[in-house]
Every structure is written in structure tokens, then in C-alpha cells.
Amino acid sequence: MSEPRAPSPDEARDLLREWAAVTRDRDRRIRYAERAGLTKMEIHTLSGISRPTIDTILDTAS
């Protein structure tokens, strides 16, 4: 199996910009999921965000 090609600088920049956009929206998405009725465990499992971080996000929303 060969190594994947190295990304170009522009590809790397695009990936980082995409990541920044998603993480800026993280808290809103977590609160939205809770309002939709998802449990904290389900939010954790689907998002990969730690339970303590989810608790902090939801506690600061109150």
C-alpha cells in the first residue's frame, strides 16, 4: 500500500478553515440537539465531544 500524497498548502488551509467553522458552531449544535430531545450520552456518542464539555456547554446555556 502506497502512502497517500501530501496535501497542497491550499488543501490544508481549506481543511483548517472548515474545522474552524464547525467548531465555532459547536455550542449551538449541542444546545440544538438537547432541545430536540437527544440525551447527553447520545450527543456525546454522535459528536465525539466529551461529556464534561457537553455539561459545560449546556450549563452555560441556562
N, C-alpha and C. Protein backbone atom coordinates (compact mmCIF):
# COMPACT_ATOMS: atom_id res chain seq x y z
N MET A 1 0.85 -1.18 0.00
CA MET A 1 0.00 0.00 0.00
C MET A 1 0.89 1.24 0.00
N SER A 2 0.62 2.12 -0.90
CA SER A 2 1.45 3.32 -1.01
C SER A 2 0.94 4.42 -0.08
N GLU A 3 1.84 5.30 0.26
CA GLU A 3 1.48 6.45 1.09
C GLU A 3 0.59 7.40 0.31
N PRO A 4 -0.40 8.00 0.97
CA PRO A 4 -1.21 9.00 0.27
C PRO A 4 -0.36 10.21 -0.06
N ARG A 5 -0.74 10.89 -1.11
CA ARG A 5 0.03 12.07 -1.49
C ARG A 5 -0.11 13.16 -0.43
N ALA A 6 0.88 13.98 -0.34
CA ALA A 6 0.84 15.10 0.60
C ALA A 6 -0.16 16.14 0.08
N PRO A 7 -0.94 16.72 0.98
CA PRO A 7 -1.87 17.75 0.53
C PRO A 7 -1.12 19.01 0.13
N SER A 8 -1.75 19.78 -0.72
CA SER A 8 -1.17 21.07 -1.07
C SER A 8 -1.42 22.04 0.08
N PRO A 9 -0.66 23.12 0.14
CA PRO A 9 -0.91 24.12 1.18
C PRO A 9 -2.35 24.64 1.13
N ASP A 10 -2.90 24.84 -0.06
CA ASP A 10 -4.28 25.33 -0.17
C ASP A 10 -5.28 24.32 0.37
N GLU A 11 -5.03 23.03 0.11
CA GLU A 11 -5.93 22.00 0.65
C GLU A 11 -5.87 21.97 2.18
N ALA A 12 -4.68 22.10 2.72
CA ALA A 12 -4.53 22.12 4.17
C ALA A 12 -5.22 23.35 4.77
N ARG A 13 -5.08 24.50 4.13
CA ARG A 13 -5.76 25.71 4.61
C ARG A 13 -7.27 25.54 4.58
N ASP A 14 -7.78 24.98 3.49
CA ASP A 14 -9.23 24.76 3.37
C ASP A 14 -9.75 23.84 4.48
N LEU A 15 -9.02 22.77 4.76
CA LEU A 15 -9.43 21.86 5.82
C LEU A 15 -9.45 22.55 7.19
N LEU A 16 -8.44 23.37 7.44
CA LEU A 16 -8.40 24.08 8.71
C LEU A 16 -9.50 25.12 8.81
N ARG A 17 -9.81 25.80 7.72
CA ARG A 17 -10.92 26.78 7.74
C ARG A 17 -12.25 26.08 7.99
N GLU A 18 -12.42 24.91 7.35
CA GLU A 18 -13.65 24.13 7.55
C GLU A 18 -13.77 23.72 9.02
N TRP A 19 -12.67 23.25 9.60
CA TRP A 19 -12.67 22.85 11.01
C TRP A 19 -13.02 24.05 11.91
N ALA A 20 -12.45 25.19 11.64
CA ALA A 20 -12.74 26.37 12.45
C ALA A 20 -14.21 26.75 12.36
N ALA A 21 -14.81 26.66 11.19
CA ALA A 21 -16.23 27.00 11.02
C ALA A 21 -17.12 26.05 11.82
N VAL A 22 -16.79 24.78 11.78
CA VAL A 22 -17.59 23.79 12.52
C VAL A 22 -17.43 23.99 14.02
N THR A 23 -16.22 24.20 14.49
CA THR A 23 -16.02 24.33 15.93
C THR A 23 -16.61 25.63 16.47
N ARG A 24 -16.66 26.68 15.65
CA ARG A 24 -17.31 27.92 16.11
C ARG A 24 -18.79 27.67 16.37
N ASP A 25 -19.37 26.74 15.66
CA ASP A 25 -20.79 26.45 15.74
C ASP A 25 -21.10 25.32 16.72
N ARG A 26 -20.09 24.78 17.37
CA ARG A 26 -20.24 23.61 18.23
C ARG A 26 -21.28 23.78 19.32
N ASP A 27 -21.19 24.85 20.09
CA ASP A 27 -22.08 25.02 21.23
C ASP A 27 -23.53 25.12 20.79
N ARG A 28 -23.78 25.86 19.72
CA ARG A 28 -25.15 25.99 19.23
C ARG A 28 -25.70 24.63 18.81
N ARG A 29 -24.88 23.82 18.17
CA ARG A 29 -25.31 22.49 17.72
C ARG A 29 -25.62 21.58 18.90
N ILE A 30 -24.81 21.67 19.96
CA ILE A 30 -25.06 20.85 21.16
C ILE A 30 -26.37 21.26 21.81
N ARG A 31 -26.60 22.56 21.96
CA ARG A 31 -27.86 23.02 22.58
C ARG A 31 -29.06 22.64 21.71
N TYR A 32 -28.92 22.72 20.41
CA TYR A 32 -29.98 22.36 19.47
C TYR A 32 -30.33 20.88 19.63
N ALA A 33 -29.32 20.03 19.74
CA ALA A 33 -29.56 18.60 19.89
C ALA A 33 -30.29 18.30 21.19
N GLU A 34 -29.89 18.99 22.26
CA GLU A 34 -30.59 18.76 23.55
C GLU A 34 -32.04 19.21 23.45
N ARG A 35 -32.29 20.36 22.85
CA ARG A 35 -33.67 20.83 22.71
C ARG A 35 -34.50 19.88 21.85
N ALA A 36 -33.84 19.18 20.93
CA ALA A 36 -34.54 18.22 20.07
C ALA A 36 -34.85 16.92 20.81
N GLY A 37 -34.31 16.78 22.02
CA GLY A 37 -34.62 15.61 22.83
C GLY A 37 -33.53 14.56 22.90
N LEU A 38 -32.36 14.82 22.31
CA LEU A 38 -31.27 13.86 22.41
C LEU A 38 -30.71 13.87 23.82
N THR A 39 -30.34 12.70 24.31
CA THR A 39 -29.71 12.62 25.63
C THR A 39 -28.27 13.10 25.53
N LYS A 40 -27.71 13.44 26.68
CA LYS A 40 -26.30 13.84 26.70
C LYS A 40 -25.41 12.71 26.20
N MET A 41 -25.76 11.47 26.55
CA MET A 41 -24.96 10.33 26.09
C MET A 41 -25.03 10.19 24.57
N GLU A 42 -26.20 10.41 24.00
CA GLU A 42 -26.35 10.32 22.55
C GLU A 42 -25.57 11.44 21.86
N ILE A 43 -25.64 12.64 22.43
CA ILE A 43 -24.88 13.76 21.88
C ILE A 43 -23.39 13.44 21.92
N HIS A 44 -22.94 12.89 23.03
CA HIS A 44 -21.53 12.51 23.18
C HIS A 44 -21.14 11.46 22.14
N THR A 45 -21.96 10.43 22.02
CA THR A 45 -21.64 9.34 21.10
C THR A 45 -21.60 9.81 19.65
N LEU A 46 -22.55 10.63 19.26
CA LEU A 46 -22.61 11.10 17.88
C LEU A 46 -21.55 12.14 17.54
N SER A 47 -21.24 13.00 18.51
CA SER A 47 -20.32 14.10 18.23
C SER A 47 -18.87 13.80 18.58
N GLY A 48 -18.66 12.89 19.52
CA GLY A 48 -17.30 12.65 19.99
C GLY A 48 -16.84 13.68 21.00
N ILE A 49 -17.71 14.60 21.37
CA ILE A 49 -17.37 15.62 22.36
C ILE A 49 -17.52 15.00 23.75
N SER A 50 -16.60 15.30 24.65
CA SER A 50 -16.62 14.68 25.97
C SER A 50 -17.86 15.10 26.76
N ARG A 51 -18.29 14.21 27.65
CA ARG A 51 -19.45 14.50 28.50
C ARG A 51 -19.22 15.75 29.36
N PRO A 52 -18.04 15.93 29.98
CA PRO A 52 -17.84 17.15 30.76
C PRO A 52 -17.96 18.43 29.91
N THR A 53 -17.49 18.38 28.67
CA THR A 53 -17.61 19.53 27.79
C THR A 53 -19.07 19.79 27.44
N ILE A 54 -19.82 18.74 27.16
CA ILE A 54 -21.25 18.88 26.89
C ILE A 54 -21.96 19.48 28.08
N ASP A 55 -21.64 18.98 29.28
CA ASP A 55 -22.24 19.52 30.51
C ASP A 55 -21.94 21.01 30.64
N THR A 56 -20.71 21.41 30.37
CA THR A 56 -20.33 22.82 30.47
C THR A 56 -21.10 23.66 29.47
N ILE A 57 -21.21 23.18 28.25
CA ILE A 57 -21.95 23.91 27.21
C ILE A 57 -23.40 24.09 27.61
N LEU A 58 -24.02 23.02 28.10
CA LEU A 58 -25.44 23.09 28.45
C LEU A 58 -25.67 23.87 29.73
N ASP A 59 -24.73 23.82 30.67
CA ASP A 59 -24.86 24.59 31.90
C ASP A 59 -24.75 26.09 31.64
N THR A 60 -23.92 26.50 30.68
CA THR A 60 -23.75 27.92 30.40
C THR A 60 -24.91 28.45 29.56
N ALA A 61 -25.71 27.57 28.99
CA ALA A 61 -26.85 28.00 28.18
C ALA A 61 -28.03 28.40 29.05
N SER A 62 -28.01 27.99 30.32
CA SER A 62 -29.13 28.26 31.21
C SER A 62 -29.14 29.67 31.72
